[in-house]
């Protein structure tokens, strides 16, 4: 039985690593079935049953089962240790990912809320091209956004007005 624990440990570690590298298997792994009106869900079941948590479970199951087997536990006891540790690690992982996602969400801004706000040009905006601006969102957090000019080239450090938003790209004009 010990080889099964090692396989689960290695597979869980590799898959978890790949899920971080390629950003797969997280809270959006609902295969197109949204659970809330905005596509986000805070329900325990939808946050718990993700590919990433399955990878964490496999990692915990394999590591704990292998350790228990090495310490002389029979297959049943080692499997129970693996199951308990896998579930606890998956719950902990789910809580940590939810907390990190909550931190990221605090800086998100509805783009239309930025129209009419002042901003500062961080990277010069060439005529017909893109630059970058900084402004503050409704929560008071400084956000950097790609921007294009509606009136030609705008140099760095110019104070501008956001006149429109196209996705996350602001259209700006200098304040005269």
C-alpha atoms as a PDB file:
ATOM      1  CA  UNK A   1       0.000   0.000   0.000  1.00  0.00           C
ATOM      2  CA  UNK A   2       2.932   2.338   0.626  1.00  0.00           C
ATOM      3  CA  UNK A   3       3.595   2.846  -3.117  1.00  0.00           C
ATOM      4  CA  UNK A   4       0.044   4.167  -3.517  1.00  0.00           C
ATOM      5  CA  UNK A   5       0.750   6.814  -0.875  1.00  0.00           C
ATOM      6  CA  UNK A   6       3.936   7.852  -2.665  1.00  0.00           C
ATOM      7  CA  UNK A   7       2.113   8.041  -6.004  1.00  0.00           C
ATOM      8  CA  UNK A   8      -0.612  10.216  -4.443  1.00  0.00           C
ATOM      9  CA  UNK A   9       2.034  12.432  -2.806  1.00  0.00           C
ATOM     10  CA  UNK A  10       4.013  12.954  -6.011  1.00  0.00           C
ATOM     11  CA  UNK A  11       0.927  13.356  -8.222  1.00  0.00           C
ATOM     12  CA  UNK A  12      -0.607  15.848  -5.772  1.00  0.00           C
ATOM     13  CA  UNK A  13       2.627  17.839  -5.576  1.00  0.00           C
ATOM     14  CA  UNK A  14       3.136  17.923  -9.350  1.00  0.00           C
ATOM     15  CA  UNK A  15      -0.494  18.789 -10.117  1.00  0.00           C
ATOM     16  CA  UNK A  16      -0.636  21.461  -7.396  1.00  0.00           C
ATOM     17  CA  UNK A  17       2.566  23.008  -8.730  1.00  0.00           C
ATOM     18  CA  UNK A  18       1.229  22.985 -12.283  1.00  0.00           C
ATOM     19  CA  UNK A  19      -2.074  24.477 -11.127  1.00  0.00           C
ATOM     20  CA  UNK A  20      -0.151  27.441  -9.704  1.00  0.00           C
ATOM     21  CA  UNK A  21       2.094  27.827 -12.738  1.00  0.00           C
ATOM     22  CA  UNK A  22      -0.772  27.695 -15.240  1.00  0.00           C
ATOM     23  CA  UNK A  23      -3.482  29.093 -12.916  1.00  0.00           C
ATOM     24  CA  UNK A  24      -5.845  26.133 -13.295  1.00  0.00           C
ATOM     25  CA  UNK A  25      -7.984  24.201 -10.876  1.00  0.00           C
ATOM     26  CA  UNK A  26      -8.940  27.041  -8.563  1.00  0.00           C
ATOM     27  CA  UNK A  27     -12.290  28.520  -7.615  1.00  0.00           C
ATOM     28  CA  UNK A  28     -13.288  29.022 -11.241  1.00  0.00           C
ATOM     29  CA  UNK A  29     -13.214  25.288 -11.963  1.00  0.00           C
ATOM     30  CA  UNK A  30     -16.983  25.015 -12.088  1.00  0.00           C
ATOM     31  CA  UNK A  31     -16.952  24.094 -15.774  1.00  0.00           C
ATOM     32  CA  UNK A  32     -19.190  26.966 -16.834  1.00  0.00           C
ATOM     33  CA  UNK A  33     -21.888  26.473 -14.215  1.00  0.00           C
ATOM     34  CA  UNK A  34     -22.127  29.733 -12.337  1.00  0.00           C
ATOM     35  CA  UNK A  35     -23.512  29.532  -8.836  1.00  0.00           C
ATOM     36  CA  UNK A  36     -24.259  33.198  -8.285  1.00  0.00           C
ATOM     37  CA  UNK A  37     -25.542  36.068 -10.337  1.00  0.00           C
ATOM     38  CA  UNK A  38     -22.063  37.497 -10.852  1.00  0.00           C
ATOM     39  CA  UNK A  39     -20.278  34.190 -11.502  1.00  0.00           C
ATOM     40  CA  UNK A  40     -18.685  34.186  -8.054  1.00  0.00           C
ATOM     41  CA  UNK A  41     -19.812  31.994  -5.208  1.00  0.00           C
ATOM     42  CA  UNK A  42     -18.859  32.008  -1.579  1.00  0.00           C
ATOM     43  CA  UNK A  43     -20.631  28.732  -0.786  1.00  0.00           C
ATOM     44  CA  UNK A  44     -18.578  26.157   1.090  1.00  0.00           C
ATOM     45  CA  UNK A  45     -19.389  23.325  -1.303  1.00  0.00           C
ATOM     46  CA  UNK A  46     -18.447  25.222  -4.462  1.00  0.00           C
ATOM     47  CA  UNK A  47     -15.207  26.449  -2.888  1.00  0.00           C
ATOM     48  CA  UNK A  48     -14.348  23.064  -1.415  1.00  0.00           C
ATOM     49  CA  UNK A  49     -14.778  20.849  -4.461  1.00  0.00           C
ATOM     50  CA  UNK A  50     -12.173  22.271  -6.825  1.00  0.00           C
ATOM     51  CA  UNK A  51      -9.346  20.592  -8.674  1.00  0.00           C
ATOM     52  CA  UNK A  52      -6.803  22.537  -6.618  1.00  0.00           C
ATOM     53  CA  UNK A  53      -8.300  21.228  -3.364  1.00  0.00           C
ATOM     54  CA  UNK A  54      -8.309  17.709  -4.795  1.00  0.00           C
ATOM     55  CA  UNK A  55      -4.568  18.129  -5.501  1.00  0.00           C
ATOM     56  CA  UNK A  56      -4.043  19.365  -1.929  1.00  0.00           C
ATOM     57  CA  UNK A  57      -6.043  16.395  -0.610  1.00  0.00           C
ATOM     58  CA  UNK A  58      -3.888  13.989  -2.655  1.00  0.00           C
ATOM     59  CA  UNK A  59      -0.738  15.643  -1.318  1.00  0.00           C
ATOM     60  CA  UNK A  60      -1.931  15.359   2.306  1.00  0.00           C
ATOM     61  CA  UNK A  61      -3.259  11.832   1.842  1.00  0.00           C
ATOM     62  CA  UNK A  62      -0.043  10.635   0.241  1.00  0.00           C
ATOM     63  CA  UNK A  63       2.314  12.329   2.695  1.00  0.00           C
ATOM     64  CA  UNK A  64       0.445  11.257   5.844  1.00  0.00           C
ATOM     65  CA  UNK A  65      -0.205   7.756   4.565  1.00  0.00           C
ATOM     66  CA  UNK A  66       3.451   7.296   3.605  1.00  0.00           C
ATOM     67  CA  UNK A  67       4.652   8.595   6.975  1.00  0.00           C
ATOM     68  CA  UNK A  68       2.210   6.357   8.868  1.00  0.00           C
ATOM     69  CA  UNK A  69       3.234   3.332   6.768  1.00  0.00           C
ATOM     70  CA  UNK A  70       6.936   4.072   7.380  1.00  0.00           C
ATOM     71  CA  UNK A  71       6.256   4.274  11.103  1.00  0.00           C
ATOM     72  CA  UNK A  72       4.808   0.751  10.997  1.00  0.00           C
ATOM     73  CA  UNK A  73       1.060   1.360  10.765  1.00  0.00           C
ATOM     74  CA  UNK A  74      -0.930  -1.279   8.907  1.00  0.00           C
ATOM     75  CA  UNK A  75      -2.647  -0.364   5.617  1.00  0.00           C
ATOM     76  CA  UNK A  76      -5.996   0.504   7.223  1.00  0.00           C
ATOM     77  CA  UNK A  77      -4.513   2.795   9.874  1.00  0.00           C
ATOM     78  CA  UNK A  78      -2.195   4.447   7.343  1.00  0.00           C
ATOM     79  CA  UNK A  79      -5.183   5.003   5.015  1.00  0.00           C
ATOM     80  CA  UNK A  80      -7.242   6.537   7.836  1.00  0.00           C
ATOM     81  CA  UNK A  81      -4.346   8.865   8.713  1.00  0.00           C
ATOM     82  CA  UNK A  82      -4.071   9.767   5.037  1.00  0.00           C
ATOM     83  CA  UNK A  83      -7.807  10.465   4.681  1.00  0.00           C
ATOM     84  CA  UNK A  84      -7.970  12.596   7.824  1.00  0.00           C
ATOM     85  CA  UNK A  85      -4.854  14.585   6.951  1.00  0.00           C
ATOM     86  CA  UNK A  86      -5.948  14.989   3.324  1.00  0.00           C
ATOM     87  CA  UNK A  87      -9.360  16.363   4.315  1.00  0.00           C
ATOM     88  CA  UNK A  88      -7.861  18.706   6.932  1.00  0.00           C
ATOM     89  CA  UNK A  89      -5.226  19.969   4.496  1.00  0.00           C
ATOM     90  CA  UNK A  90      -7.843  20.511   1.762  1.00  0.00           C
ATOM     91  CA  UNK A  91     -10.029  22.482   4.213  1.00  0.00           C
ATOM     92  CA  UNK A  92      -7.045  24.571   5.296  1.00  0.00           C
ATOM     93  CA  UNK A  93      -6.027  25.135   1.676  1.00  0.00           C
ATOM     94  CA  UNK A  94      -9.557  26.176   0.746  1.00  0.00           C
ATOM     95  CA  UNK A  95      -9.660  28.673   3.616  1.00  0.00           C
ATOM     96  CA  UNK A  96      -6.258  30.108   2.677  1.00  0.00           C
ATOM     97  CA  UNK A  97      -7.156  30.474  -1.009  1.00  0.00           C
ATOM     98  CA  UNK A  98     -10.463  32.097  -0.055  1.00  0.00           C
ATOM     99  CA  UNK A  99      -8.606  34.564   2.195  1.00  0.00           C
ATOM    100  CA  UNK A 100      -6.122  35.395  -0.586  1.00  0.00           C
ATOM    101  CA  UNK A 101      -8.944  35.842  -3.082  1.00  0.00           C
ATOM    102  CA  UNK A 102     -10.674  38.180  -0.606  1.00  0.00           C
ATOM    103  CA  UNK A 103      -7.538  40.317  -0.434  1.00  0.00           C
ATOM    104  CA  UNK A 104      -7.338  40.521  -4.203  1.00  0.00           C
ATOM    105  CA  UNK A 105     -11.000  41.451  -4.513  1.00  0.00           C
ATOM    106  CA  UNK A 106     -10.573  44.471  -2.243  1.00  0.00           C
ATOM    107  CA  UNK A 107      -8.665  46.325  -4.957  1.00  0.00           C
ATOM    108  CA  UNK A 108     -11.047  45.549  -7.820  1.00  0.00           C
ATOM    109  CA  UNK A 109     -12.947  48.446  -9.300  1.00  0.00           C
ATOM    110  CA  UNK A 110     -16.020  48.623 -11.468  1.00  0.00           C
ATOM    111  CA  UNK A 111     -14.573  50.451 -14.441  1.00  0.00           C
ATOM    112  CA  UNK A 112     -17.553  52.781 -14.925  1.00  0.00           C
ATOM    113  CA  UNK A 113     -17.005  54.146 -11.410  1.00  0.00           C
ATOM    114  CA  UNK A 114     -13.704  55.638 -12.608  1.00  0.00           C
ATOM    115  CA  UNK A 115     -15.220  57.804 -15.367  1.00  0.00           C
ATOM    116  CA  UNK A 116     -14.894  61.453 -14.347  1.00  0.00           C
ATOM    117  CA  UNK A 117     -12.063  60.818 -11.884  1.00  0.00           C
ATOM    118  CA  UNK A 118      -8.672  62.477 -12.050  1.00  0.00           C
ATOM    119  CA  UNK A 119      -5.575  60.398 -12.607  1.00  0.00           C
ATOM    120  CA  UNK A 120      -1.829  60.857 -13.019  1.00  0.00           C
ATOM    121  CA  UNK A 121       0.047  59.618 -16.081  1.00  0.00           C
ATOM    122  CA  UNK A 122       2.586  57.072 -14.873  1.00  0.00           C
ATOM    123  CA  UNK A 123       3.912  56.061 -18.305  1.00  0.00           C
ATOM    124  CA  UNK A 124       3.704  58.571 -21.158  1.00  0.00           C
ATOM    125  CA  UNK A 125       0.820  57.975 -23.553  1.00  0.00           C
ATOM    126  CA  UNK A 126       1.915  58.266 -27.200  1.00  0.00           C
ATOM    127  CA  UNK A 127      -0.518  59.516 -29.804  1.00  0.00           C
ATOM    128  CA  UNK A 128      -2.518  56.481 -30.952  1.00  0.00           C
ATOM    129  CA  UNK A 129      -0.808  54.277 -28.367  1.00  0.00           C
ATOM    130  CA  UNK A 130      -1.126  53.207 -24.773  1.00  0.00           C
ATOM    131  CA  UNK A 131       0.433  54.333 -21.545  1.00  0.00           C
ATOM    132  CA  UNK A 132      -0.396  53.857 -17.900  1.00  0.00           C
ATOM    133  CA  UNK A 133      -2.196  55.968 -15.323  1.00  0.00           C
ATOM    134  CA  UNK A 134      -2.764  55.758 -11.576  1.00  0.00           C
ATOM    135  CA  UNK A 135      -5.906  56.782  -9.752  1.00  0.00           C
ATOM    136  CA  UNK A 136      -7.818  55.772  -6.646  1.00  0.00           C
ATOM    137  CA  UNK A 137     -10.852  53.529  -6.708  1.00  0.00           C
ATOM    138  CA  UNK A 138     -14.020  53.852  -4.607  1.00  0.00           C
ATOM    139  CA  UNK A 139     -12.311  52.065  -1.697  1.00  0.00           C
ATOM    140  CA  UNK A 140      -9.416  54.563  -1.750  1.00  0.00           C
ATOM    141  CA  UNK A 141      -6.935  52.027  -3.105  1.00  0.00           C
ATOM    142  CA  UNK A 142      -4.448  53.237  -5.713  1.00  0.00           C
ATOM    143  CA  UNK A 143      -4.884  51.355  -8.982  1.00  0.00           C
ATOM    144  CA  UNK A 144      -2.783  51.418 -12.141  1.00  0.00           C
ATOM    145  CA  UNK A 145      -4.570  51.116 -15.460  1.00  0.00           C
ATOM    146  CA  UNK A 146      -3.619  51.033 -19.116  1.00  0.00           C
ATOM    147  CA  UNK A 147      -4.739  54.227 -20.822  1.00  0.00           C
ATOM    148  CA  UNK A 148      -5.021  55.852 -24.225  1.00  0.00           C
ATOM    149  CA  UNK A 149      -5.398  59.510 -25.053  1.00  0.00           C
ATOM    150  CA  UNK A 150      -8.375  61.096 -26.750  1.00  0.00           C
ATOM    151  CA  UNK A 151      -6.308  64.183 -27.617  1.00  0.00           C
ATOM    152  CA  UNK A 152      -2.814  63.147 -28.744  1.00  0.00           C
ATOM    153  CA  UNK A 153       0.383  62.531 -26.795  1.00  0.00           C
ATOM    154  CA  UNK A 154       0.379  63.021 -23.011  1.00  0.00           C
ATOM    155  CA  UNK A 155       3.661  63.196 -21.103  1.00  0.00           C
ATOM    156  CA  UNK A 156       4.471  61.492 -17.817  1.00  0.00           C
ATOM    157  CA  UNK A 157       3.184  63.072 -14.557  1.00  0.00           C
ATOM    158  CA  UNK A 158       0.380  64.976 -16.345  1.00  0.00           C
ATOM    159  CA  UNK A 159      -2.900  65.129 -14.440  1.00  0.00           C
ATOM    160  CA  UNK A 160      -5.703  63.809 -16.634  1.00  0.00           C
ATOM    161  CA  UNK A 161      -9.437  63.233 -16.508  1.00  0.00           C
ATOM    162  CA  UNK A 162     -10.834  59.751 -17.237  1.00  0.00           C
ATOM    163  CA  UNK A 163     -13.490  60.272 -19.913  1.00  0.00           C
ATOM    164  CA  UNK A 164     -14.386  56.666 -20.726  1.00  0.00           C
ATOM    165  CA  UNK A 165     -13.547  53.065 -19.895  1.00  0.00           C
ATOM    166  CA  UNK A 166     -13.246  50.197 -22.370  1.00  0.00           C
ATOM    167  CA  UNK A 167     -12.807  47.095 -20.225  1.00  0.00           C
ATOM    168  CA  UNK A 168      -9.849  47.938 -18.011  1.00  0.00           C
ATOM    169  CA  UNK A 169      -8.394  50.553 -20.407  1.00  0.00           C
ATOM    170  CA  UNK A 170      -9.107  54.181 -19.623  1.00  0.00           C
ATOM    171  CA  UNK A 171      -9.509  56.915 -22.217  1.00  0.00           C
ATOM    172  CA  UNK A 172      -8.100  60.148 -20.802  1.00  0.00           C
ATOM    173  CA  UNK A 173      -7.608  63.788 -21.666  1.00  0.00           C
ATOM    174  CA  UNK A 174      -5.338  66.321 -19.976  1.00  0.00           C
ATOM    175  CA  UNK A 175      -6.918  68.765 -17.548  1.00  0.00           C
ATOM    176  CA  UNK A 176      -6.405  72.257 -18.907  1.00  0.00           C
END
